Protein backbone atom coordinates (compact mmCIF):
# COMPACT_ATOMS: atom_id res chain seq x y z
CA MET A 1 -0.78 47.79 36.09
CA LEU A 2 2.89 46.90 35.55
CA GLU A 3 4.05 50.15 37.13
CA SER A 4 1.86 49.52 40.18
CA LEU A 5 3.22 45.99 40.55
CA ASP A 6 6.76 47.30 40.12
CA LEU A 7 6.25 49.76 42.96
CA SER A 8 4.55 47.21 45.21
CA VAL A 9 7.39 44.70 44.87
CA LEU A 10 9.98 47.43 45.35
CA TYR A 11 8.39 48.67 48.58
CA PHE A 12 7.90 45.13 49.87
CA CYS A 13 11.56 44.28 49.33
CA ASN A 14 12.89 47.63 50.51
CA ARG A 15 10.74 48.11 53.62
CA ASN A 16 8.96 44.88 54.64
CA LEU A 17 11.92 42.49 54.45
CA VAL A 18 14.24 44.71 56.47
CA ASN A 19 16.49 43.15 59.10
CA PRO A 20 20.16 43.62 60.08
CA PHE A 21 21.28 40.36 58.50
CA PHE A 22 19.74 41.25 55.13
CA ASP A 23 21.28 44.72 55.36
CA PHE A 24 24.74 43.21 55.75
CA LEU A 25 24.14 40.45 53.19
CA PHE A 26 22.73 42.57 50.39
CA VAL A 27 25.12 45.48 50.87
CA SER A 28 27.88 42.88 50.47
CA PHE A 29 26.29 41.36 47.36
CA SER A 30 25.73 44.80 45.88
CA ASN A 31 29.30 45.94 46.49
CA SER A 32 31.40 44.84 43.52
CA SER A 33 34.69 45.31 45.38
CA VAL A 34 33.68 42.68 47.96
CA PHE A 35 33.84 40.03 45.24
CA LEU A 36 37.05 41.22 43.62
CA TRP A 37 39.56 39.07 45.48
CA PRO A 38 37.31 35.98 45.77
CA LEU A 39 36.72 36.31 42.03
CA VAL A 40 40.45 36.56 41.31
CA VAL A 41 41.07 33.45 43.44
CA MET A 42 38.24 31.55 41.73
CA ILE A 43 39.58 32.44 38.27
CA PHE A 44 43.08 31.36 39.30
CA ILE A 45 41.80 28.00 40.56
CA LEU A 46 39.72 27.48 37.43
CA LEU A 47 42.67 28.21 35.16
CA TRP A 48 45.00 26.07 37.27
CA ARG A 49 42.75 23.04 37.76
CA GLY A 50 40.02 23.37 35.17
CA GLY A 51 41.98 22.81 31.98
CA THR A 52 40.84 23.90 28.54
CA ARG A 53 37.19 24.11 29.52
CA ALA A 54 37.92 26.54 32.36
CA ILE A 55 40.10 28.70 30.12
CA LEU A 56 37.29 28.96 27.58
CA ALA A 57 34.72 29.73 30.27
CA VAL A 58 36.83 32.47 31.88
CA ILE A 59 37.60 34.08 28.52
CA LEU A 60 33.93 34.06 27.55
CA VAL A 61 32.86 35.52 30.90
CA ILE A 62 35.33 38.37 30.44
CA ILE A 63 34.10 38.97 26.88
CA CYS A 64 30.46 38.92 28.00
CA ILE A 65 30.99 41.44 30.78
CA ALA A 66 33.07 43.59 28.42
CA VAL A 67 29.95 43.69 26.22
CA THR A 68 27.10 43.88 28.75
CA ASP A 69 28.62 46.40 31.15
CA PRO A 70 29.37 49.29 28.74
CA SER A 71 26.38 48.58 26.50
CA THR A 72 24.05 48.74 29.50
CA HIS A 73 25.65 51.80 31.07
CA TYR A 74 26.41 53.91 28.02
CA ILE A 75 23.70 52.85 25.57
CA LEU A 76 20.62 51.25 27.14
CA LYS A 77 20.41 53.42 30.26
CA LYS A 78 20.74 56.60 28.22
CA LEU A 79 18.32 55.28 25.61
CA PHE A 80 15.54 54.56 28.12
CA SER A 81 16.51 57.33 30.60
CA ARG A 82 14.53 55.82 33.45
CA LEU A 83 15.46 57.38 36.77
CA ARG A 84 16.43 55.14 39.66
CA PRO A 85 13.67 54.88 42.28
CA CYS A 86 15.97 56.38 44.92
CA HIS A 87 16.04 59.59 42.84
CA THR A 88 12.26 59.89 42.61
CA LEU A 89 10.80 58.25 45.74
CA ASP A 90 11.46 60.03 49.02
CA ASP A 91 10.11 57.28 51.27
CA LEU A 92 12.56 54.51 50.33
CA ARG A 93 14.87 53.15 52.99
CA MET A 94 18.40 53.95 51.86
CA ILE A 95 21.37 52.53 53.77
CA ILE A 96 23.95 53.25 51.06
CA GLY A 97 24.20 55.85 48.29
CA CYS A 98 21.78 55.90 45.38
CA GLY A 99 24.29 55.65 42.55
CA GLY A 100 23.98 57.00 39.01
CA LEU A 101 21.00 58.82 37.59
CA TYR A 102 19.47 56.10 35.40
CA GLY A 103 18.68 52.52 36.37
CA PHE A 104 17.06 50.70 33.43
CA PRO A 105 18.35 48.12 32.88
CA SER A 106 20.58 47.12 35.81
CA ASN A 107 24.30 46.66 35.14
CA HIS A 108 24.64 44.34 38.13
CA ALA A 109 21.89 42.08 36.81
CA ALA A 110 23.17 42.10 33.23
CA ASN A 111 26.74 41.29 34.22
CA SER A 112 25.93 38.67 36.85
CA PHE A 113 23.44 36.80 34.66
CA ALA A 114 25.77 36.91 31.66
CA ALA A 115 28.54 35.36 33.77
CA ALA A 116 26.16 32.84 35.35
CA THR A 117 24.87 31.77 31.93
CA VAL A 118 28.33 31.14 30.51
CA LEU A 119 29.55 29.30 33.59
CA SER A 120 26.38 27.19 33.67
CA LEU A 121 26.88 26.16 30.05
CA PHE A 122 30.41 24.96 30.78
CA PHE A 123 29.88 23.60 34.31
CA ARG A 124 26.29 22.37 34.36
CA ARG A 125 26.48 20.64 37.73
CA TYR A 126 26.95 24.04 39.39
CA THR A 127 24.11 25.80 37.56
CA VAL A 128 22.03 26.23 40.72
CA ILE A 129 24.96 27.93 42.50
CA PHE A 130 25.68 30.30 39.60
CA ALA A 131 22.00 31.16 39.21
CA ALA A 132 21.56 31.71 42.96
CA LEU A 133 24.48 34.14 43.07
CA ALA A 134 23.13 36.09 40.10
CA ILE A 135 19.68 36.25 41.67
CA LEU A 136 21.06 37.41 45.04
CA ILE A 137 23.17 40.12 43.39
CA SER A 138 20.18 41.32 41.38
CA PHE A 139 17.76 41.16 44.31
CA SER A 140 20.17 43.21 46.41
CA ARG A 141 19.68 46.13 44.05
CA VAL A 142 15.93 46.15 44.69
CA TYR A 143 16.31 45.59 48.43
CA LEU A 144 18.65 48.58 48.63
CA GLY A 145 16.26 50.81 46.67
CA LYS A 146 18.64 51.33 43.78
CA HIS A 147 16.49 49.66 41.11
CA TYR A 148 12.92 48.78 40.28
CA PRO A 149 12.25 45.04 39.87
CA THR A 150 11.80 45.53 36.13
CA ASP A 151 15.26 47.13 35.97
CA VAL A 152 16.91 43.97 37.24
CA PHE A 153 14.57 41.68 35.28
CA MET A 154 15.42 43.31 31.97
CA GLY A 155 19.08 43.46 32.96
CA ALA A 156 18.98 39.70 33.52
CA VAL A 157 17.26 39.16 30.16
CA TRP A 158 19.91 41.23 28.38
CA GLY A 159 22.73 39.44 30.19
CA ILE A 160 21.40 35.98 29.33
CA ALA A 161 20.72 36.95 25.71
CA ALA A 162 24.18 38.49 25.30
CA ALA A 163 25.83 35.40 26.79
CA PHE A 164 24.07 33.01 24.42
CA LEU A 165 24.84 35.27 21.45
CA ILE A 166 28.53 35.51 22.34
CA VAL A 167 28.78 31.76 22.92
CA TYR A 168 27.12 31.13 19.56
CA ILE A 169 29.46 33.53 17.74
CA THR A 170 32.49 32.01 19.47
CA LYS A 171 31.38 28.55 18.40
CA LYS A 172 31.19 29.68 14.78
CA ILE A 173 34.58 31.40 14.93
CA LEU A 174 36.28 28.39 16.48
CA TRP A 175 34.79 26.16 13.81
CA LYS A 176 36.13 28.39 11.04
CA LEU A 177 39.59 28.86 12.54
CA SER A 178 40.25 25.37 13.88
CA ALA A 179 42.52 24.11 11.11
CA GLY A 180 45.52 23.88 13.47
CA LYS A 181 45.77 21.38 16.31
CA TYR A 182 45.88 24.08 18.99
CA LEU A 183 42.61 25.71 18.03
CA GLU A 184 41.07 22.34 17.24
CA LYS A 185 41.64 21.31 20.86
CA TYR A 186 39.68 24.34 22.02
CA ARG A 187 36.97 23.77 19.47
CA ASN A 188 36.51 20.16 20.53
CA GLU A 189 36.42 21.11 24.21
CA PHE A 190 33.98 23.90 23.42
CA HIS A 191 31.63 21.55 21.62
CA GLY A 192 31.99 18.91 24.30
CA ALA A 193 31.24 21.31 27.12
CA LEU A 194 28.14 22.64 25.40
CA ARG A 195 27.05 19.18 24.22
CA TRP A 196 27.32 20.07 20.57
CA LYS A 197 28.62 17.46 18.20
CA THR A 198 32.17 18.14 17.00
CA GLY A 199 31.16 17.56 13.40
CA GLN A 200 28.24 19.93 13.55
CA LYS A 201 28.37 22.80 11.06
């Protein structure tokens, strides 16, 4: 049942939604290098104008991706060994290369949802924007035939879970190490951003 639904959604996205605008849009969202310079500019602006909260958010995003990307690629994909649909289905519409052998779970989904989760925790008013970007990046992988829907769904679940875990661990570490004024400033900003009481243990 789940496999049949997975295939149906994949074919619908890959073949029924086809149009030149979507081709351009989702190839762009799927191409990591397209976001490199905009991402660098965004990080620079955040660090320049965002203060302590932005510094914490950027650091945590980097830590999260440093965890989700290799763990997904080197551990989870090899553990589950699920072939990408473009390696097993001959009737998919492919406009760019297939990519690596295994696809479960999706690195793009794990990384984008981990980043979106952290940024949403620190900048709640922009949650819809962060979530929309993560969804578009993840959907692009199905549209392009590189992943099954369940690949990106479980990638998103892993990314969100990893982000919350890393944020929780960071909170505990900052609480333990915040004897000095410098770290205390970060701890207080961390608690304030996440709406946790400063005196909470």
